[in-house]
PDB file of N, CA and C in Angstrom:
ATOM      1  N   UNK A   1    -139.631  74.705  10.051  1.00  0.00           N
ATOM      2  CA  UNK A   1    -139.758  76.065   9.546  1.00  0.00           C
ATOM      3  C   UNK A   1    -139.467  76.057   8.043  1.00  0.00           C
ATOM      4  N   UNK A   2    -140.322  76.704   7.278  1.00  0.00           N
ATOM      5  CA  UNK A   2    -140.116  76.762   5.841  1.00  0.00           C
ATOM      6  C   UNK A   2    -138.932  77.653   5.500  1.00  0.00           C
ATOM      7  N   UNK A   3    -138.390  77.453   4.321  1.00  0.00           N
ATOM      8  CA  UNK A   3    -137.187  78.155   3.870  1.00  0.00           C
ATOM      9  C   UNK A   3    -137.340  79.671   3.956  1.00  0.00           C
ATOM     10  N   UNK A   4    -138.408  80.228   3.391  1.00  0.00           N
ATOM     11  CA  UNK A   4    -138.588  81.683   3.419  1.00  0.00           C
ATOM     12  C   UNK A   4    -138.750  82.207   4.834  1.00  0.00           C
ATOM     13  N   UNK A   5    -139.474  81.464   5.661  1.00  0.00           N
ATOM     14  CA  UNK A   5    -139.655  81.882   7.055  1.00  0.00           C
ATOM     15  C   UNK A   5    -138.318  81.964   7.760  1.00  0.00           C
ATOM     16  N   UNK A   6    -137.513  80.949   7.579  1.00  0.00           N
ATOM     17  CA  UNK A   6    -136.207  80.905   8.212  1.00  0.00           C
ATOM     18  C   UNK A   6    -135.342  82.068   7.730  1.00  0.00           C
ATOM     19  N   UNK A   7    -135.316  82.268   6.438  1.00  0.00           N
ATOM     20  CA  UNK A   7    -134.521  83.364   5.869  1.00  0.00           C
ATOM     21  C   UNK A   7    -134.983  84.700   6.441  1.00  0.00           C
ATOM     22  N   UNK A   8    -136.278  84.928   6.455  1.00  0.00           N
ATOM     23  CA  UNK A   8    -136.818  86.184   6.970  1.00  0.00           C
ATOM     24  C   UNK A   8    -136.499  86.360   8.453  1.00  0.00           C
ATOM     25  N   UNK A   9    -136.587  85.278   9.230  1.00  0.00           N
ATOM     26  CA  UNK A   9    -136.273  85.367  10.657  1.00  0.00           C
ATOM     27  C   UNK A   9    -134.815  85.741  10.894  1.00  0.00           C
ATOM     28  N   UNK A  10    -133.921  85.133  10.141  1.00  0.00           N
ATOM     29  CA  UNK A  10    -132.499  85.465  10.289  1.00  0.00           C
ATOM     30  C   UNK A  10    -132.228  86.922   9.912  1.00  0.00           C
ATOM     31  N   UNK A  11    -132.777  87.357   8.793  1.00  0.00           N
ATOM     32  CA  UNK A  11    -132.563  88.744   8.358  1.00  0.00           C
ATOM     33  C   UNK A  11    -133.173  89.724   9.351  1.00  0.00           C
ATOM     34  N   UNK A  12    -134.360  89.410   9.830  1.00  0.00           N
ATOM     35  CA  UNK A  12    -135.025  90.265  10.820  1.00  0.00           C
ATOM     36  C   UNK A  12    -134.190  90.351  12.095  1.00  0.00           C
ATOM     37  N   UNK A  13    -133.622  89.233  12.526  1.00  0.00           N
ATOM     38  CA  UNK A  13    -132.796  89.223  13.744  1.00  0.00           C
ATOM     39  C   UNK A  13    -131.564  90.108  13.569  1.00  0.00           C
ATOM     40  N   UNK A  14    -130.921  90.038  12.409  1.00  0.00           N
ATOM     41  CA  UNK A  14    -129.760  90.895  12.150  1.00  0.00           C
ATOM     42  C   UNK A  14    -130.166  92.361  12.229  1.00  0.00           C
ATOM     43  N   UNK A  15    -131.284  92.706  11.599  1.00  0.00           N
ATOM     44  CA  UNK A  15    -131.764  94.088  11.622  1.00  0.00           C
ATOM     45  C   UNK A  15    -132.094  94.527  13.046  1.00  0.00           C
ATOM     46  N   UNK A  16    -132.747  93.679  13.820  1.00  0.00           N
ATOM     47  CA  UNK A  16    -133.095  94.027  15.201  1.00  0.00           C
ATOM     48  C   UNK A  16    -131.834  94.269  16.033  1.00  0.00           C
ATOM     49  N   UNK A  17    -130.833  93.456  15.848  1.00  0.00           N
ATOM     50  CA  UNK A  17    -129.566  93.643  16.570  1.00  0.00           C
ATOM     51  C   UNK A  17    -128.940  94.971  16.167  1.00  0.00           C
ATOM     52  N   UNK A  18    -128.948  95.265  14.875  1.00  0.00           N
ATOM     53  CA  UNK A  18    -128.429  96.550  14.395  1.00  0.00           C
ATOM     54  C   UNK A  18    -129.233  97.706  14.969  1.00  0.00           C
ATOM     55  N   UNK A  19    -130.551  97.553  15.026  1.00  0.00           N
ATOM     56  CA  UNK A  19    -131.412  98.611  15.559  1.00  0.00           C
ATOM     57  C   UNK A  19    -131.179  98.857  17.047  1.00  0.00           C
ATOM     58  N   UNK A  20    -130.603  97.876  17.725  1.00  0.00           N
ATOM     59  CA  UNK A  20    -130.235  98.029  19.140  1.00  0.00           C
ATOM     60  C   UNK A  20    -128.883  98.732  19.276  1.00  0.00           C
ATOM     61  N   UNK A  21    -128.294  99.113  18.134  1.00  0.00           N
ATOM     62  CA  UNK A  21    -127.023  99.820  18.149  1.00  0.00           C
ATOM     63  C   UNK A  21    -125.805  98.916  18.201  1.00  0.00           C
ATOM     64  N   UNK A  22    -126.006  97.637  17.887  1.00  0.00           N
ATOM     65  CA  UNK A  22    -124.911  96.690  17.947  1.00  0.00           C
ATOM     66  C   UNK A  22    -124.591  96.137  16.562  1.00  0.00           C
ATOM     67  N   UNK A  23    -123.352  95.728  16.382  1.00  0.00           N
ATOM     68  CA  UNK A  23    -122.958  95.018  15.177  1.00  0.00           C
ATOM     69  C   UNK A  23    -123.327  93.554  15.376  1.00  0.00           C
ATOM     70  N   UNK A  24    -123.985  92.969  14.400  1.00  0.00           N
ATOM     71  CA  UNK A  24    -124.459  91.591  14.532  1.00  0.00           C
ATOM     72  C   UNK A  24    -123.397  90.597  14.098  1.00  0.00           C
ATOM     73  N   UNK A  25    -123.178  89.618  14.945  1.00  0.00           N
ATOM     74  CA  UNK A  25    -122.331  88.478  14.615  1.00  0.00           C
ATOM     75  C   UNK A  25    -123.200  87.226  14.696  1.00  0.00           C
ATOM     76  N   UNK A  26    -122.710  86.142  14.140  1.00  0.00           N
ATOM     77  CA  UNK A  26    -123.489  84.897  14.145  1.00  0.00           C
ATOM     78  C   UNK A  26    -123.923  84.488  15.545  1.00  0.00           C
ATOM     79  N   UNK A  27    -123.062  84.654  16.522  1.00  0.00           N
ATOM     80  CA  UNK A  27    -123.403  84.272  17.895  1.00  0.00           C
ATOM     81  C   UNK A  27    -124.565  85.105  18.428  1.00  0.00           C
ATOM     82  N   UNK A  28    -124.622  86.381  18.039  1.00  0.00           N
ATOM     83  CA  UNK A  28    -125.725  87.248  18.472  1.00  0.00           C
ATOM     84  C   UNK A  28    -127.052  86.771  17.886  1.00  0.00           C
ATOM     85  N   UNK A  29    -127.009  86.362  16.627  1.00  0.00           N
ATOM     86  CA  UNK A  29    -128.213  85.846  15.969  1.00  0.00           C
ATOM     87  C   UNK A  29    -128.645  84.545  16.632  1.00  0.00           C
ATOM     88  N   UNK A  30    -127.679  83.679  16.934  1.00  0.00           N
ATOM     89  CA  UNK A  30    -127.988  82.410  17.600  1.00  0.00           C
ATOM     90  C   UNK A  30    -128.671  82.647  18.940  1.00  0.00           C
ATOM     91  N   UNK A  31    -128.149  83.586  19.714  1.00  0.00           N
ATOM     92  CA  UNK A  31    -128.726  83.890  21.025  1.00  0.00           C
ATOM     93  C   UNK A  31    -130.125  84.482  20.856  1.00  0.00           C
ATOM     94  N   UNK A  32    -130.264  85.440  19.949  1.00  0.00           N
ATOM     95  CA  UNK A  32    -131.554  86.120  19.753  1.00  0.00           C
ATOM     96  C   UNK A  32    -132.651  85.125  19.344  1.00  0.00           C
ATOM     97  N   UNK A  33    -132.306  84.193  18.459  1.00  0.00           N
ATOM     98  CA  UNK A  33    -133.303  83.254  17.952  1.00  0.00           C
ATOM     99  C   UNK A  33    -133.346  81.939  18.732  1.00  0.00           C
ATOM    100  N   UNK A  34    -132.434  81.800  19.699  1.00  0.00           N
ATOM    101  CA  UNK A  34    -132.329  80.569  20.474  1.00  0.00           C
ATOM    102  C   UNK A  34    -132.056  79.361  19.567  1.00  0.00           C
ATOM    103  N   UNK A  35    -131.144  79.554  18.610  1.00  0.00           N
ATOM    104  CA  UNK A  35    -130.718  78.504  17.693  1.00  0.00           C
ATOM    105  C   UNK A  35    -129.278  78.139  18.016  1.00  0.00           C
ATOM    106  N   UNK A  36    -128.850  76.992  17.556  1.00  0.00           N
ATOM    107  CA  UNK A  36    -127.460  76.593  17.781  1.00  0.00           C
ATOM    108  C   UNK A  36    -126.537  77.380  16.858  1.00  0.00           C
ATOM    109  N   UNK A  37    -125.320  77.584  17.310  1.00  0.00           N
ATOM    110  CA  UNK A  37    -124.324  78.299  16.511  1.00  0.00           C
ATOM    111  C   UNK A  37    -124.081  77.598  15.168  1.00  0.00           C
ATOM    112  N   UNK A  38    -123.951  76.261  15.130  1.00  0.00           N
ATOM    113  CA  UNK A  38    -123.763  75.597  13.836  1.00  0.00           C
ATOM    114  C   UNK A  38    -124.928  75.826  12.865  1.00  0.00           C
ATOM    115  N   UNK A  39    -126.155  75.807  13.383  1.00  0.00           N
ATOM    116  CA  UNK A  39    -127.320  76.057  12.520  1.00  0.00           C
ATOM    117  C   UNK A  39    -127.264  77.460  11.929  1.00  0.00           C
ATOM    118  N   UNK A  40    -126.901  78.428  12.753  1.00  0.00           N
ATOM    119  CA  UNK A  40    -126.811  79.813  12.296  1.00  0.00           C
ATOM    120  C   UNK A  40    -125.678  79.951  11.279  1.00  0.00           C
ATOM    121  N   UNK A  41    -124.578  79.297  11.509  1.00  0.00           N
ATOM    122  CA  UNK A  41    -123.458  79.368  10.561  1.00  0.00           C
ATOM    123  C   UNK A  41    -123.856  78.849   9.187  1.00  0.00           C
ATOM    124  N   UNK A  42    -124.587  77.751   9.155  1.00  0.00           N
ATOM    125  CA  UNK A  42    -125.072  77.205   7.885  1.00  0.00           C
ATOM    126  C   UNK A  42    -126.024  78.188   7.214  1.00  0.00           C
ATOM    127  N   UNK A  43    -126.913  78.761   7.998  1.00  0.00           N
ATOM    128  CA  UNK A  43    -127.879  79.725   7.448  1.00  0.00           C
ATOM    129  C   UNK A  43    -127.172  80.963   6.912  1.00  0.00           C
ATOM    130  N   UNK A  44    -126.157  81.446   7.626  1.00  0.00           N
ATOM    131  CA  UNK A  44    -125.435  82.641   7.170  1.00  0.00           C
ATOM    132  C   UNK A  44    -124.718  82.368   5.850  1.00  0.00           C
ATOM    133  N   UNK A  45    -124.212  81.155   5.699  1.00  0.00           N
ATOM    134  CA  UNK A  45    -123.573  80.783   4.423  1.00  0.00           C
ATOM    135  C   UNK A  45    -124.592  80.867   3.288  1.00  0.00           C
ATOM    136  N   UNK A  46    -125.797  80.341   3.532  1.00  0.00           N
ATOM    137  CA  UNK A  46    -126.853  80.383   2.510  1.00  0.00           C
ATOM    138  C   UNK A  46    -127.261  81.824   2.205  1.00  0.00           C
ATOM    139  N   UNK A  47    -127.366  82.653   3.242  1.00  0.00           N
ATOM    140  CA  UNK A  47    -127.734  84.058   3.021  1.00  0.00           C
ATOM    141  C   UNK A  47    -126.651  84.795   2.222  1.00  0.00           C
ATOM    142  N   UNK A  48    -125.384  84.449   2.467  1.00  0.00           N
ATOM    143  CA  UNK A  48    -124.296  85.038   1.670  1.00  0.00           C
ATOM    144  C   UNK A  48    -124.409  84.595   0.218  1.00  0.00           C
ATOM    145  N   UNK A  49    -124.683  83.318  -0.001  1.00  0.00           N
ATOM    146  CA  UNK A  49    -124.825  82.789  -1.356  1.00  0.00           C
ATOM    147  C   UNK A  49    -125.995  83.437  -2.098  1.00  0.00           C
ATOM    148  N   UNK A  50    -127.018  83.819  -1.360  1.00  0.00           N
ATOM    149  CA  UNK A  50    -128.184  84.484  -1.956  1.00  0.00           C
ATOM    150  C   UNK A  50    -127.986  85.994  -2.058  1.00  0.00           C
ATOM    151  N   UNK A  51    -126.820  86.471  -1.656  1.00  0.00           N
ATOM    152  CA  UNK A  51    -126.463  87.900  -1.705  1.00  0.00           C
ATOM    153  C   UNK A  51    -127.397  88.763  -0.852  1.00  0.00           C
ATOM    154  N   UNK A  52    -127.803  88.197   0.292  1.00  0.00           N
ATOM    155  CA  UNK A  52    -128.660  88.924   1.220  1.00  0.00           C
ATOM    156  C   UNK A  52    -127.858  89.503   2.382  1.00  0.00           C
ATOM    157  N   UNK A  53    -126.675  88.934   2.624  1.00  0.00           N
ATOM    158  CA  UNK A  53    -125.761  89.475   3.621  1.00  0.00           C
ATOM    159  C   UNK A  53    -124.334  89.379   3.094  1.00  0.00           C
ATOM    160  N   UNK A  54    -123.464  90.145   3.720  1.00  0.00           N
ATOM    161  CA  UNK A  54    -122.025  89.972   3.565  1.00  0.00           C
ATOM    162  C   UNK A  54    -121.461  89.861   4.969  1.00  0.00           C
ATOM    163  N   UNK A  55    -120.246  89.369   5.067  1.00  0.00           N
ATOM    164  CA  UNK A  55    -119.589  89.246   6.369  1.00  0.00           C
ATOM    165  C   UNK A  55    -118.222  89.897   6.234  1.00  0.00           C
ATOM    166  N   UNK A  56    -117.924  90.848   7.120  1.00  0.00           N
ATOM    167  CA  UNK A  56    -116.629  91.518   7.023  1.00  0.00           C
ATOM    168  C   UNK A  56    -115.548  90.701   7.733  1.00  0.00           C
ATOM    169  N   UNK A  57    -114.331  91.195   7.713  1.00  0.00           N
ATOM    170  CA  UNK A  57    -113.189  90.473   8.296  1.00  0.00           C
ATOM    171  C   UNK A  57    -113.314  90.243   9.792  1.00  0.00           C
ATOM    172  N   UNK A  58    -114.127  91.039  10.461  1.00  0.00           N
ATOM    173  CA  UNK A  58    -114.333  90.890  11.906  1.00  0.00           C
ATOM    174  C   UNK A  58    -115.505  89.960  12.234  1.00  0.00           C
ATOM    175  N   UNK A  59    -116.114  89.363  11.205  1.00  0.00           N
ATOM    176  CA  UNK A  59    -117.240  88.463  11.421  1.00  0.00           C
ATOM    177  C   UNK A  59    -118.563  89.170  11.612  1.00  0.00           C
ATOM    178  N   UNK A  60    -118.598  90.451  11.280  1.00  0.00           N
ATOM    179  CA  UNK A  60    -119.836  91.223  11.434  1.00  0.00           C
ATOM    180  C   UNK A  60    -120.725  90.988  10.211  1.00  0.00           C
ATOM    181  N   UNK A  61    -121.986  90.687  10.479  1.00  0.00           N
ATOM    182  CA  UNK A  61    -122.964  90.423   9.431  1.00  0.00           C
ATOM    183  C   UNK A  61    -123.544  91.743   8.942  1.00  0.00           C
ATOM    184  N   UNK A  62    -123.491  91.946   7.647  1.00  0.00           N
ATOM    185  CA  UNK A  62    -124.004  93.173   7.042  1.00  0.00           C
ATOM    186  C   UNK A  62    -125.094  92.825   6.039  1.00  0.00           C
ATOM    187  N   UNK A  63    -126.229  93.464   6.189  1.00  0.00           N
ATOM    188  CA  UNK A  63    -127.327  93.246   5.251  1.00  0.00           C
ATOM    189  C   UNK A  63    -127.020  93.937   3.927  1.00  0.00           C
ATOM    190  N   UNK A  64    -127.260  93.249   2.823  1.00  0.00           N
ATOM    191  CA  UNK A  64    -127.173  93.899   1.522  1.00  0.00           C
ATOM    192  C   UNK A  64    -128.445  94.726   1.340  1.00  0.00           C
ATOM    193  N   UNK A  65    -128.534  95.473   0.269  1.00  0.00           N
ATOM    194  CA  UNK A  65    -129.734  96.274   0.019  1.00  0.00           C
ATOM    195  C   UNK A  65    -130.973  95.376  -0.025  1.00  0.00           C
ATOM    196  N   UNK A  66    -130.881  94.270  -0.747  1.00  0.00           N
ATOM    197  CA  UNK A  66    -132.017  93.349  -0.853  1.00  0.00           C
ATOM    198  C   UNK A  66    -132.310  92.694   0.497  1.00  0.00           C
ATOM    199  N   UNK A  67    -131.277  92.302   1.225  1.00  0.00           N
ATOM    200  CA  UNK A  67    -131.459  91.709   2.548  1.00  0.00           C
ATOM    201  C   UNK A  67    -132.127  92.677   3.505  1.00  0.00           C
ATOM    202  N   UNK A  68    -131.730  93.948   3.430  1.00  0.00           N
ATOM    203  CA  UNK A  68    -132.319  94.977   4.290  1.00  0.00           C
ATOM    204  C   UNK A  68    -133.795  95.176   3.958  1.00  0.00           C
ATOM    205  N   UNK A  69    -134.144  95.164   2.678  1.00  0.00           N
ATOM    206  CA  UNK A  69    -135.548  95.331   2.282  1.00  0.00           C
ATOM    207  C   UNK A  69    -136.409  94.215   2.867  1.00  0.00           C
ATOM    208  N   UNK A  70    -135.929  92.987   2.751  1.00  0.00           N
ATOM    209  CA  UNK A  70    -136.679  91.846   3.284  1.00  0.00           C
ATOM    210  C   UNK A  70    -136.792  91.959   4.799  1.00  0.00           C
ATOM    211  N   UNK A  71    -135.688  92.284   5.459  1.00  0.00           N
ATOM    212  CA  UNK A  71    -135.677  92.401   6.923  1.00  0.00           C
ATOM    213  C   UNK A  71    -136.622  93.502   7.394  1.00  0.00           C
ATOM    214  N   UNK A  72    -136.590  94.651   6.736  1.00  0.00           N
ATOM    215  CA  UNK A  72    -137.437  95.768   7.152  1.00  0.00           C
ATOM    216  C   UNK A  72    -138.908  95.446   6.968  1.00  0.00           C
ATOM    217  N   UNK A  73    -139.256  94.815   5.862  1.00  0.00           N
ATOM    218  CA  UNK A  73    -140.655  94.468   5.617  1.00  0.00           C
ATOM    219  C   UNK A  73    -141.132  93.425   6.634  1.00  0.00           C
ATOM    220  N   UNK A  74    -140.288  92.458   6.931  1.00  0.00           N
ATOM    221  CA  UNK A  74    -140.644  91.434   7.917  1.00  0.00           C
ATOM    222  C   UNK A  74    -140.817  92.057   9.295  1.00  0.00           C
ATOM    223  N   UNK A  75    -139.898  92.925   9.672  1.00  0.00           N
ATOM    224  CA  UNK A  75    -139.986  93.595  10.969  1.00  0.00           C
ATOM    225  C   UNK A  75    -141.220  94.492  11.042  1.00  0.00           C
ATOM    226  N   UNK A  76    -141.523  95.181   9.958  1.00  0.00           N
ATOM    227  CA  UNK A  76    -142.721  96.034   9.938  1.00  0.00           C
ATOM    228  C   UNK A  76    -143.975  95.195  10.180  1.00  0.00           C
ATOM    229  N   UNK A  77    -144.080  94.086   9.483  1.00  0.00           N
ATOM    230  CA  UNK A  77    -145.233  93.198   9.684  1.00  0.00           C
ATOM    231  C   UNK A  77    -145.277  92.696  11.123  1.00  0.00           C
ATOM    232  N   UNK A  78    -144.146  92.270  11.619  1.00  0.00           N
ATOM    233  CA  UNK A  78    -144.062  91.731  12.979  1.00  0.00           C
ATOM    234  C   UNK A  78    -144.536  92.756  14.008  1.00  0.00           C
ATOM    235  N   UNK A  79    -144.005  93.954  13.925  1.00  0.00           N
ATOM    236  CA  UNK A  79    -144.355  94.990  14.903  1.00  0.00           C
ATOM    237  C   UNK A  79    -145.814  95.403  14.777  1.00  0.00           C
ATOM    238  N   UNK A  80    -146.288  95.565  13.553  1.00  0.00           N
ATOM    239  CA  UNK A  80    -147.676  95.951  13.334  1.00  0.00           C
ATOM    240  C   UNK A  80    -148.630  94.904  13.901  1.00  0.00           C
ATOM    241  N   UNK A  81    -148.398  93.643  13.545  1.00  0.00           N
ATOM    242  CA  UNK A  81    -149.281  92.571  13.997  1.00  0.00           C
ATOM    243  C   UNK A  81    -149.223  92.393  15.513  1.00  0.00           C
ATOM    244  N   UNK A  82    -148.034  92.464  16.082  1.00  0.00           N
ATOM    245  CA  UNK A  82    -147.897  92.349  17.535  1.00  0.00           C
ATOM    246  C   UNK A  82    -148.700  93.444  18.225  1.00  0.00           C
ATOM    247  N   UNK A  83    -148.518  94.680  17.792  1.00  0.00           N
ATOM    248  CA  UNK A  83    -149.236  95.809  18.400  1.00  0.00           C
ATOM    249  C   UNK A  83    -150.743  95.676  18.226  1.00  0.00           C
ATOM    250  N   UNK A  84    -151.179  95.244  17.051  1.00  0.00           N
ATOM    251  CA  UNK A  84    -152.606  95.060  16.797  1.00  0.00           C
ATOM    252  C   UNK A  84    -153.187  94.018  17.753  1.00  0.00           C
ATOM    253  N   UNK A  85    -152.510  92.885  17.861  1.00  0.00           N
ATOM    254  CA  UNK A  85    -153.017  91.828  18.736  1.00  0.00           C
ATOM    255  C   UNK A  85    -153.068  92.279  20.194  1.00  0.00           C
ATOM    256  N   UNK A  86    -152.070  93.002  20.633  1.00  0.00           N
ATOM    257  CA  UNK A  86    -152.060  93.502  22.015  1.00  0.00           C
ATOM    258  C   UNK A  86    -153.217  94.483  22.216  1.00  0.00           C
ATOM    259  N   UNK A  87    -153.452  95.354  21.232  1.00  0.00           N
ATOM    260  CA  UNK A  87    -154.549  96.335  21.344  1.00  0.00           C
ATOM    261  C   UNK A  87    -155.914  95.671  21.453  1.00  0.00           C
ATOM    262  N   UNK A  88    -156.074  94.517  20.826  1.00  0.00           N
ATOM    263  CA  UNK A  88    -157.381  93.854  20.910  1.00  0.00           C
ATOM    264  C   UNK A  88    -157.469  92.910  22.100  1.00  0.00           C
ATOM    265  N   UNK A  89    -156.446  92.916  22.959  1.00  0.00           N
ATOM    266  CA  UNK A  89    -156.524  92.185  24.213  1.00  0.00           C
ATOM    267  C   UNK A  89    -155.779  90.864  24.284  1.00  0.00           C
ATOM    268  N   UNK A  90    -154.997  90.548  23.265  1.00  0.00           N
ATOM    269  CA  UNK A  90    -154.227  89.305  23.297  1.00  0.00           C
ATOM    270  C   UNK A  90    -153.041  89.482  24.251  1.00  0.00           C
ATOM    271  N   UNK A  91    -152.757  88.452  25.023  1.00  0.00           N
ATOM    272  CA  UNK A  91    -151.596  88.459  25.911  1.00  0.00           C
ATOM    273  C   UNK A  91    -150.340  88.824  25.102  1.00  0.00           C
ATOM    274  N   UNK A  92    -149.502  89.727  25.609  1.00  0.00           N
ATOM    275  CA  UNK A  92    -148.326  90.181  24.840  1.00  0.00           C
ATOM    276  C   UNK A  92    -147.416  89.056  24.344  1.00  0.00           C
ATOM    277  N   UNK A  93    -147.179  88.031  25.140  1.00  0.00           N
ATOM    278  CA  UNK A  93    -146.326  86.912  24.699  1.00  0.00           C
ATOM    279  C   UNK A  93    -146.986  86.165  23.552  1.00  0.00           C
ATOM    280  N   UNK A  94    -148.286  85.915  23.695  1.00  0.00           N
ATOM    281  CA  UNK A  94    -149.017  85.229  22.637  1.00  0.00           C
ATOM    282  C   UNK A  94    -149.078  86.106  21.384  1.00  0.00           C
ATOM    283  N   UNK A  95    -149.275  87.405  21.567  1.00  0.00           N
ATOM    284  CA  UNK A  95    -149.313  88.333  20.442  1.00  0.00           C
ATOM    285  C   UNK A  95    -148.004  88.290  19.668  1.00  0.00           C
ATOM    286  N   UNK A  96    -146.912  88.272  20.393  1.00  0.00           N
ATOM    287  CA  UNK A  96    -145.573  88.193  19.781  1.00  0.00           C
ATOM    288  C   UNK A  96    -145.412  86.900  18.990  1.00  0.00           C
ATOM    289  N   UNK A  97    -145.791  85.783  19.596  1.00  0.00           N
ATOM    290  CA  UNK A  97    -145.664  84.480  18.937  1.00  0.00           C
ATOM    291  C   UNK A  97    -146.544  84.392  17.693  1.00  0.00           C
ATOM    292  N   UNK A  98    -147.782  84.850  17.809  1.00  0.00           N
ATOM    293  CA  UNK A  98    -148.704  84.805  16.678  1.00  0.00           C
ATOM    294  C   UNK A  98    -148.227  85.708  15.538  1.00  0.00           C
ATOM    295  N   UNK A  99    -147.743  86.888  15.881  1.00  0.00           N
ATOM    296  CA  UNK A  99    -147.234  87.812  14.858  1.00  0.00           C
ATOM    297  C   UNK A  99    -146.078  87.186  14.110  1.00  0.00           C
ATOM    298  N   UNK A 100    -145.218  86.475  14.820  1.00  0.00           N
ATOM    299  CA  UNK A 100    -144.062  85.830  14.202  1.00  0.00           C
ATOM    300  C   UNK A 100    -144.498  84.781  13.183  1.00  0.00           C
ATOM    301  N   UNK A 101    -145.585  84.099  13.465  1.00  0.00           N
ATOM    302  CA  UNK A 101    -146.105  83.105  12.525  1.00  0.00           C
ATOM    303  C   UNK A 101    -146.759  83.772  11.317  1.00  0.00           C
ATOM    304  N   UNK A 102    -147.601  84.754  11.585  1.00  0.00           N
ATOM    305  CA  UNK A 102    -148.388  85.378  10.518  1.00  0.00           C
ATOM    306  C   UNK A 102    -147.551  86.255   9.606  1.00  0.00           C
ATOM    307  N   UNK A 103    -146.508  86.886  10.135  1.00  0.00           N
ATOM    308  CA  UNK A 103    -145.698  87.795   9.321  1.00  0.00           C
ATOM    309  C   UNK A 103    -145.146  87.119   8.079  1.00  0.00           C
ATOM    310  N   UNK A 104    -144.991  85.811   8.120  1.00  0.00           N
ATOM    311  CA  UNK A 104    -144.426  85.078   6.992  1.00  0.00           C
ATOM    312  C   UNK A 104    -145.482  84.644   5.982  1.00  0.00           C
ATOM    313  N   UNK A 105    -146.715  84.559   6.421  1.00  0.00           N
ATOM    314  CA  UNK A 105    -147.736  84.015   5.536  1.00  0.00           C
ATOM    315  C   UNK A 105    -148.660  85.064   4.925  1.00  0.00           C
ATOM    316  N   UNK A 106    -148.744  86.226   5.530  1.00  0.00           N
ATOM    317  CA  UNK A 106    -149.621  87.268   4.994  1.00  0.00           C
ATOM    318  C   UNK A 106    -148.966  87.893   3.762  1.00  0.00           C
ATOM    319  N   UNK A 107    -149.721  87.973   2.671  1.00  0.00           N
ATOM    320  CA  UNK A 107    -149.112  88.552   1.470  1.00  0.00           C
ATOM    321  C   UNK A 107    -149.108  90.077   1.559  1.00  0.00           C
ATOM    322  N   UNK A 108    -148.306  90.668   0.738  1.00  0.00           N
ATOM    323  CA  UNK A 108    -148.080  92.115   0.797  1.00  0.00           C
ATOM    324  C   UNK A 108    -149.354  92.917   0.565  1.00  0.00           C
ATOM    325  N   UNK A 109    -150.158  92.511  -0.397  1.00  0.00           N
ATOM    326  CA  UNK A 109    -151.393  93.246  -0.696  1.00  0.00           C
ATOM    327  C   UNK A 109    -152.344  93.215   0.502  1.00  0.00           C
ATOM    328  N   UNK A 110    -152.508  92.039   1.096  1.00  0.00           N
ATOM    329  CA  UNK A 110    -153.376  91.912   2.266  1.00  0.00           C
ATOM    330  C   UNK A 110    -152.857  92.761   3.417  1.00  0.00           C
ATOM    331  N   UNK A 111    -151.556  92.731   3.642  1.00  0.00           N
ATOM    332  CA  UNK A 111    -150.958  93.505   4.728  1.00  0.00           C
ATOM    333  C   UNK A 111    -151.195  94.996   4.519  1.00  0.00           C
ATOM    334  N   UNK A 112    -150.976  95.490   3.316  1.00  0.00           N
ATOM    335  CA  UNK A 112    -151.171  96.918   3.027  1.00  0.00           C
ATOM    336  C   UNK A 112    -152.631  97.315   3.208  1.00  0.00           C
ATOM    337  N   UNK A 113    -153.560  96.463   2.778  1.00  0.00           N
ATOM    338  CA  UNK A 113    -154.993  96.752   2.949  1.00  0.00           C
ATOM    339  C   UNK A 113    -155.385  96.738   4.425  1.00  0.00           C
ATOM    340  N   UNK A 114    -154.795  95.832   5.176  1.00  0.00           N
ATOM    341  CA  UNK A 114    -155.061  95.766   6.611  1.00  0.00           C
ATOM    342  C   UNK A 114    -154.577  97.032   7.296  1.00  0.00           C
ATOM    343  N   UNK A 115    -153.383  97.482   6.953  1.00  0.00           N
ATOM    344  CA  UNK A 115    -152.846  98.730   7.537  1.00  0.00           C
ATOM    345  C   UNK A 115    -153.740  99.907   7.176  1.00  0.00           C
ATOM    346  N   UNK A 116    -154.135  99.987   5.909  1.00  0.00           N
ATOM    347  CA  UNK A 116    -154.974 101.109   5.459  1.00  0.00           C
ATOM    348  C   UNK A 116    -156.324 101.086   6.190  1.00  0.00           C
ATOM    349  N   UNK A 117    -156.928  99.940   6.315  1.00  0.00           N
ATOM    350  CA  UNK A 117    -158.215  99.816   6.988  1.00  0.00           C
ATOM    351  C   UNK A 117    -158.115 100.227   8.451  1.00  0.00           C
ATOM    352  N   UNK A 118    -157.090  99.769   9.114  1.00  0.00           N
ATOM    353  CA  UNK A 118    -156.968 100.049  10.541  1.00  0.00           C
ATOM    354  C   UNK A 118    -156.502 101.475  10.840  1.00  0.00           C
ATOM    355  N   UNK A 119    -155.989 102.163   9.833  1.00  0.00           N
ATOM    356  CA  UNK A 119    -155.563 103.545  10.057  1.00  0.00           C
ATOM    357  C   UNK A 119    -156.719 104.532   9.876  1.00  0.00           C
ATOM    358  N   UNK A 120    -157.899 104.038   9.461  1.00  0.00           N
ATOM    359  CA  UNK A 120    -159.070 104.905   9.286  1.00  0.00           C
ATOM    360  C   UNK A 120    -159.605 105.366  10.608  1.00  0.00           C
TER     361      UNK A 120
END
């Protein structure tokens, strides 16, 4: 997995956990992404160094403003692409997997044009 993809996946996972009404901890991210706890711990350290998350005294992961922007944009792409693929008849599991791959590679301009075109 490329660096940006990994970063976006971690941030997206934190946001998804928060959107479920839960406070995200490293173990929650590990479970959600099916990654090892040590791998997630290393990634969280890097995200802190990049000022994309903070961690409070209880070990709760908090998205910074910049981290939240990246997470929200990634999640928006993911949900849009997943729904689009399902609407055109792709198996939901495959649609989910494909969206996860494409969300990292589609540039912002292309994504916005795709949304505008499909909303006509």
